[in-house]
Amino acid sequence: MQQLWAPWRISYIVNNKEDGCIFCNRQHHGDDSERLVLHRGKRTIVMLNKYPYNNGHLMVATKRHVGFLEDLKPEEMNDLMAAIQRSVVLLRKVLSPHGFNIGVNLGKVAGAGVEDHLHFHIVPRWEGDTNYMPVLADTRVIPEHLAETYKRLSQVFKDF
């Protein structure tokens, strides 16, 4: 049996989980690189996923703590879609993915980890990024450290 060392995962396993909503907590200014915040707009926030499916996995959330699409005001929906669109453009510019998975998980049974604050996932995809590791070993290999991905993306998100 082969082993894949992923020492950065231990902090997720042993550390206390964050109190409160991760999206509401990041609306207030702090160390953006530590909090993985790339952009704060009038009605939206864009951040890297701390536990990504792939390099550059972003989460785009409304600033208002709302859990359902039908509860969004028209201007929030417009800003949310514009933030998703702009994020895709910037991800294409920096990471050159071949495609994207973009989606929202509504409710716990649908896979929502934060079920009461609406957010979309943007997952860059590259041809060949699904290989034997997730299929046979139930392990995904992320080829770049999260801090390096943040550093590269934060440069272009400054002009969001």
Protein backbone atom coordinates (compact mmCIF):
# COMPACT_ATOMS: atom_id res chain seq x y z
CA MET A 1 0.00 0.00 0.00
CA GLN A 2 1.27 3.46 -0.89
CA GLN A 3 0.86 6.48 1.34
CA LEU A 4 0.11 10.05 0.36
CA TRP A 5 1.21 12.55 2.97
CA ALA A 6 -1.05 15.57 3.39
CA PRO A 7 0.15 17.20 6.63
CA TRP A 8 -1.85 20.40 6.08
CA ARG A 9 -5.09 18.42 6.62
CA ILE A 10 -4.31 17.78 10.29
CA SER A 11 -5.27 21.34 11.22
CA TYR A 12 -8.79 20.71 9.87
CA ILE A 13 -9.06 17.44 11.78
CA VAL A 14 -7.78 18.57 15.20
CA ASN A 15 -8.60 22.29 15.36
CA ASN A 16 -11.82 23.64 16.70
CA LYS A 17 -14.26 24.59 14.01
CA GLU A 18 -14.92 28.26 13.48
CA ASP A 19 -17.73 29.79 15.53
CA GLY A 20 -20.48 31.40 13.51
CA CYS A 21 -20.87 31.66 9.77
CA ILE A 22 -17.64 31.58 7.75
CA PHE A 23 -19.06 34.04 5.21
CA CYS A 24 -20.36 36.53 7.78
CA ASN A 25 -17.09 36.31 9.75
CA ARG A 26 -15.08 37.31 6.67
CA GLN A 27 -17.10 40.38 5.82
CA HIS A 28 -15.17 42.33 8.41
CA HIS A 29 -11.68 43.38 7.47
CA GLY A 30 -8.78 41.42 8.86
CA ASP A 31 -5.86 39.51 7.40
CA ASP A 32 -7.35 38.66 4.02
CA SER A 33 -4.54 36.26 3.12
CA GLU A 34 -5.13 34.29 6.31
CA ARG A 35 -8.90 34.39 5.79
CA LEU A 36 -8.50 33.63 2.03
CA VAL A 37 -10.71 36.58 1.06
CA LEU A 38 -10.09 37.76 -2.50
CA HIS A 39 -12.86 40.33 -2.89
CA ARG A 40 -15.52 42.12 -0.86
CA GLY A 41 -18.15 43.79 -2.99
CA LYS A 42 -21.22 45.78 -2.05
CA ARG A 43 -23.38 42.65 -1.80
CA THR A 44 -20.98 39.73 -2.31
CA ILE A 45 -17.78 38.22 -1.01
CA VAL A 46 -15.34 35.98 -2.93
CA MET A 47 -12.93 33.66 -1.14
CA LEU A 48 -10.81 30.60 -1.73
CA ASN A 49 -12.19 27.38 -0.32
CA LYS A 50 -9.90 26.30 2.53
CA TYR A 51 -10.59 22.63 1.69
CA PRO A 52 -10.67 22.73 -2.13
CA TYR A 53 -11.67 20.11 -4.66
CA ASN A 54 -9.11 21.61 -7.05
CA ASN A 55 -6.65 24.52 -7.25
CA GLY A 56 -8.46 27.84 -7.35
CA HIS A 57 -11.72 26.49 -5.87
CA LEU A 58 -13.65 29.66 -5.01
CA MET A 59 -16.77 30.33 -3.01
CA VAL A 60 -18.91 33.33 -3.92
CA ALA A 61 -21.48 34.31 -1.29
CA THR A 62 -24.00 37.00 -0.65
CA LYS A 63 -23.05 39.36 2.15
CA ARG A 64 -26.54 39.12 3.60
CA HIS A 65 -27.02 35.95 5.60
CA VAL A 66 -29.70 34.24 3.53
CA GLY A 67 -30.10 30.54 2.81
CA PHE A 68 -32.41 30.28 -0.18
CA LEU A 69 -32.28 31.55 -3.76
CA GLU A 70 -35.89 32.69 -3.52
CA ASP A 71 -34.99 34.99 -0.62
CA LEU A 72 -32.50 37.01 -2.67
CA LYS A 73 -33.38 40.52 -3.68
CA PRO A 74 -32.98 41.21 -7.41
CA GLU A 75 -29.91 43.40 -6.85
CA GLU A 76 -28.28 40.64 -4.74
CA MET A 77 -28.91 38.07 -7.50
CA ASN A 78 -27.43 40.44 -10.09
CA ASP A 79 -24.32 41.11 -7.97
CA LEU A 80 -23.92 37.42 -7.20
CA MET A 81 -24.03 36.43 -10.88
CA ALA A 82 -21.71 39.31 -11.83
CA ALA A 83 -19.21 38.21 -9.13
CA ILE A 84 -19.34 34.63 -10.42
CA GLN A 85 -18.80 35.82 -13.99
CA ARG A 86 -15.88 38.09 -13.02
CA SER A 87 -14.32 35.34 -10.90
CA VAL A 88 -14.37 32.95 -13.87
CA VAL A 89 -12.68 35.57 -16.05
CA LEU A 90 -9.93 36.09 -13.47
CA LEU A 91 -9.44 32.37 -12.84
CA ARG A 92 -9.08 31.85 -16.60
CA LYS A 93 -6.47 34.62 -16.74
CA VAL A 94 -4.32 33.28 -13.88
CA LEU A 95 -4.80 29.51 -13.84
CA SER A 96 -5.77 28.74 -17.47
CA PRO A 97 -8.25 25.96 -16.68
CA HIS A 98 -9.92 24.03 -19.50
CA GLY A 99 -13.37 24.31 -17.89
CA PHE A 100 -15.31 24.94 -14.68
CA ASN A 101 -17.86 23.34 -12.42
CA ILE A 102 -20.10 26.07 -11.01
CA GLY A 103 -22.88 25.24 -8.62
CA VAL A 104 -24.75 25.70 -5.39
CA ASN A 105 -25.75 23.09 -2.83
CA LEU A 106 -29.13 24.00 -1.35
CA GLY A 107 -29.67 22.17 1.93
CA LYS A 108 -27.71 19.63 3.93
CA VAL A 109 -28.98 16.64 1.92
CA ALA A 110 -27.70 18.38 -1.24
CA GLY A 111 -24.21 18.60 0.24
CA ALA A 112 -24.23 22.10 1.72
CA GLY A 113 -21.51 22.38 4.34
CA VAL A 114 -22.76 25.85 5.26
CA GLU A 115 -26.44 25.33 4.69
CA ASP A 116 -27.89 28.60 5.96
CA HIS A 117 -25.72 31.06 3.97
CA LEU A 118 -26.18 30.91 0.22
CA HIS A 119 -22.92 30.50 -1.71
CA PHE A 120 -21.78 29.22 -5.08
CA HIS A 121 -18.72 27.07 -5.72
CA ILE A 122 -16.49 27.71 -8.72
CA VAL A 123 -14.14 24.79 -9.34
CA PRO A 124 -11.57 25.16 -12.13
CA ARG A 125 -11.05 21.95 -14.11
CA TRP A 126 -8.19 20.75 -16.31
CA GLU A 127 -8.21 17.91 -18.75
CA GLY A 128 -6.78 14.94 -16.88
CA ASP A 129 -7.35 16.38 -13.38
CA THR A 130 -9.49 13.36 -12.57
CA ASN A 131 -7.11 10.45 -12.44
CA TYR A 132 -6.83 7.18 -10.56
CA MET A 133 -6.32 8.81 -7.14
CA PRO A 134 -9.93 9.92 -6.50
CA VAL A 135 -11.33 6.85 -8.23
CA LEU A 136 -9.23 4.14 -6.57
CA ALA A 137 -7.82 5.78 -3.46
CA ASP A 138 -10.64 8.24 -2.67
CA THR A 139 -7.92 10.90 -2.55
CA ARG A 140 -7.66 14.13 -4.49
CA VAL A 141 -4.23 15.58 -5.18
CA ILE A 142 -4.03 19.38 -5.08
CA PRO A 143 -0.78 20.31 -6.85
CA GLU A 144 -0.31 23.81 -5.43
CA HIS A 145 -0.28 25.03 -1.83
CA LEU A 146 -3.30 27.15 -0.89
CA ALA A 147 -1.12 30.11 0.15
CA GLU A 148 0.55 30.16 -3.28
CA THR A 149 -2.81 30.00 -5.07
CA TYR A 150 -4.06 32.87 -2.91
CA LYS A 151 -0.94 34.92 -3.68
CA ARG A 152 -1.37 34.45 -7.44
CA LEU A 153 -5.12 35.18 -7.44
CA SER A 154 -5.03 38.10 -5.01
CA GLN A 155 -2.96 40.10 -7.51
CA VAL A 156 -5.68 40.07 -10.18
CA PHE A 157 -8.61 40.28 -7.75
CA LYS A 158 -7.33 43.69 -6.58
CA ASP A 159 -8.88 45.13 -9.75
CA PHE A 160 -12.09 43.12 -9.40
